[in-house]
């Protein structure tokens, strides 16, 4: 088995500056589980952050629950 050697600092490009990076910064969030959703450009113009998307989805869920309740009682 041929093992590649680790790249040296000389192999690192100058634009890849990790000097102020924090190791494991997002580890807990990934461990808890995350969902990544890609929005189309027209939708992203309206929903500019995750809070706006979550509000809209919660409203949609509430409306869907109301529809289910109405159909069951009819």
C-alpha atoms as a PDB file:
ATOM      1  CA  UNK A   1       0.000   0.000   0.000  1.00  0.00           C
ATOM      2  CA  UNK A   2       1.440   3.332  -1.053  1.00  0.00           C
ATOM      3  CA  UNK A   3       0.876   6.136   1.432  1.00  0.00           C
ATOM      4  CA  UNK A   4       0.968   9.699   0.224  1.00  0.00           C
ATOM      5  CA  UNK A   5       2.993  12.089   2.322  1.00  0.00           C
ATOM      6  CA  UNK A   6       1.273  14.972   4.075  1.00  0.00           C
ATOM      7  CA  UNK A   7       1.505  18.248   2.180  1.00  0.00           C
ATOM      8  CA  UNK A   8       3.929  20.722   3.709  1.00  0.00           C
ATOM      9  CA  UNK A   9       3.133  24.346   4.490  1.00  0.00           C
ATOM     10  CA  UNK A  10       5.012  25.237   1.329  1.00  0.00           C
ATOM     11  CA  UNK A  11       2.290  23.440  -0.656  1.00  0.00           C
ATOM     12  CA  UNK A  12      -0.448  25.627   0.830  1.00  0.00           C
ATOM     13  CA  UNK A  13      -1.649  28.447  -1.397  1.00  0.00           C
ATOM     14  CA  UNK A  14      -1.563  31.957   0.108  1.00  0.00           C
ATOM     15  CA  UNK A  15      -5.324  32.452  -0.390  1.00  0.00           C
ATOM     16  CA  UNK A  16      -5.973  29.479   1.914  1.00  0.00           C
ATOM     17  CA  UNK A  17      -5.352  31.296   5.174  1.00  0.00           C
ATOM     18  CA  UNK A  18      -6.575  29.231   8.120  1.00  0.00           C
ATOM     19  CA  UNK A  19      -4.502  31.077  10.722  1.00  0.00           C
ATOM     20  CA  UNK A  20      -7.602  32.396  12.511  1.00  0.00           C
ATOM     21  CA  UNK A  21      -9.637  29.214  12.034  1.00  0.00           C
ATOM     22  CA  UNK A  22     -11.273  27.426  14.948  1.00  0.00           C
ATOM     23  CA  UNK A  23     -11.004  23.651  15.012  1.00  0.00           C
ATOM     24  CA  UNK A  24     -14.351  21.930  15.567  1.00  0.00           C
ATOM     25  CA  UNK A  25     -16.350  25.184  15.440  1.00  0.00           C
ATOM     26  CA  UNK A  26     -19.411  23.494  13.900  1.00  0.00           C
ATOM     27  CA  UNK A  27     -18.897  20.018  15.312  1.00  0.00           C
ATOM     28  CA  UNK A  28     -21.754  20.124  17.833  1.00  0.00           C
ATOM     29  CA  UNK A  29     -24.250  21.364  15.236  1.00  0.00           C
ATOM     30  CA  UNK A  30     -23.310  18.615  12.783  1.00  0.00           C
ATOM     31  CA  UNK A  31     -23.400  16.018  15.533  1.00  0.00           C
ATOM     32  CA  UNK A  32     -26.928  17.132  16.445  1.00  0.00           C
ATOM     33  CA  UNK A  33     -27.974  16.799  12.805  1.00  0.00           C
ATOM     34  CA  UNK A  34     -28.427  19.417  10.160  1.00  0.00           C
ATOM     35  CA  UNK A  35     -30.462  19.806   7.001  1.00  0.00           C
ATOM     36  CA  UNK A  36     -29.099  21.737   4.086  1.00  0.00           C
ATOM     37  CA  UNK A  37     -31.640  23.077   1.638  1.00  0.00           C
ATOM     38  CA  UNK A  38     -30.775  24.963  -1.527  1.00  0.00           C
ATOM     39  CA  UNK A  39     -33.246  27.654  -2.489  1.00  0.00           C
ATOM     40  CA  UNK A  40     -33.825  28.826  -6.032  1.00  0.00           C
ATOM     41  CA  UNK A  41     -32.661  32.391  -6.629  1.00  0.00           C
ATOM     42  CA  UNK A  42     -36.176  33.866  -6.768  1.00  0.00           C
ATOM     43  CA  UNK A  43     -37.118  32.230  -3.465  1.00  0.00           C
ATOM     44  CA  UNK A  44     -33.840  33.264  -1.809  1.00  0.00           C
ATOM     45  CA  UNK A  45     -34.621  36.917  -2.595  1.00  0.00           C
ATOM     46  CA  UNK A  46     -37.760  36.663  -0.440  1.00  0.00           C
ATOM     47  CA  UNK A  47     -36.426  34.405   2.327  1.00  0.00           C
ATOM     48  CA  UNK A  48     -33.127  36.043   3.169  1.00  0.00           C
ATOM     49  CA  UNK A  49     -32.295  33.982   6.259  1.00  0.00           C
ATOM     50  CA  UNK A  50     -33.170  30.725   7.972  1.00  0.00           C
ATOM     51  CA  UNK A  51     -35.546  32.435  10.419  1.00  0.00           C
ATOM     52  CA  UNK A  52     -37.728  33.655   7.532  1.00  0.00           C
ATOM     53  CA  UNK A  53     -37.794  30.193   5.982  1.00  0.00           C
ATOM     54  CA  UNK A  54     -38.684  28.583   9.313  1.00  0.00           C
ATOM     55  CA  UNK A  55     -41.525  31.079   9.936  1.00  0.00           C
ATOM     56  CA  UNK A  56     -43.011  30.377   6.502  1.00  0.00           C
ATOM     57  CA  UNK A  57     -42.720  26.605   6.914  1.00  0.00           C
ATOM     58  CA  UNK A  58     -44.296  26.683  10.381  1.00  0.00           C
ATOM     59  CA  UNK A  59     -47.189  28.727   9.006  1.00  0.00           C
ATOM     60  CA  UNK A  60     -47.606  26.195   6.216  1.00  0.00           C
ATOM     61  CA  UNK A  61     -47.594  23.342   8.745  1.00  0.00           C
ATOM     62  CA  UNK A  62     -50.243  25.089  10.855  1.00  0.00           C
ATOM     63  CA  UNK A  63     -52.441  25.587   7.793  1.00  0.00           C
ATOM     64  CA  UNK A  64     -52.027  21.963   6.785  1.00  0.00           C
ATOM     65  CA  UNK A  65     -52.996  20.790  10.288  1.00  0.00           C
ATOM     66  CA  UNK A  66     -56.109  22.977  10.174  1.00  0.00           C
ATOM     67  CA  UNK A  67     -57.102  21.451   6.825  1.00  0.00           C
ATOM     68  CA  UNK A  68     -56.702  17.927   8.197  1.00  0.00           C
ATOM     69  CA  UNK A  69     -58.816  18.809  11.241  1.00  0.00           C
ATOM     70  CA  UNK A  70     -61.560  20.332   9.070  1.00  0.00           C
ATOM     71  CA  UNK A  71     -61.679  17.295   6.782  1.00  0.00           C
ATOM     72  CA  UNK A  72     -61.885  14.858   9.710  1.00  0.00           C
ATOM     73  CA  UNK A  73     -64.728  16.707  11.423  1.00  0.00           C
ATOM     74  CA  UNK A  74     -66.776  17.012   8.210  1.00  0.00           C
END
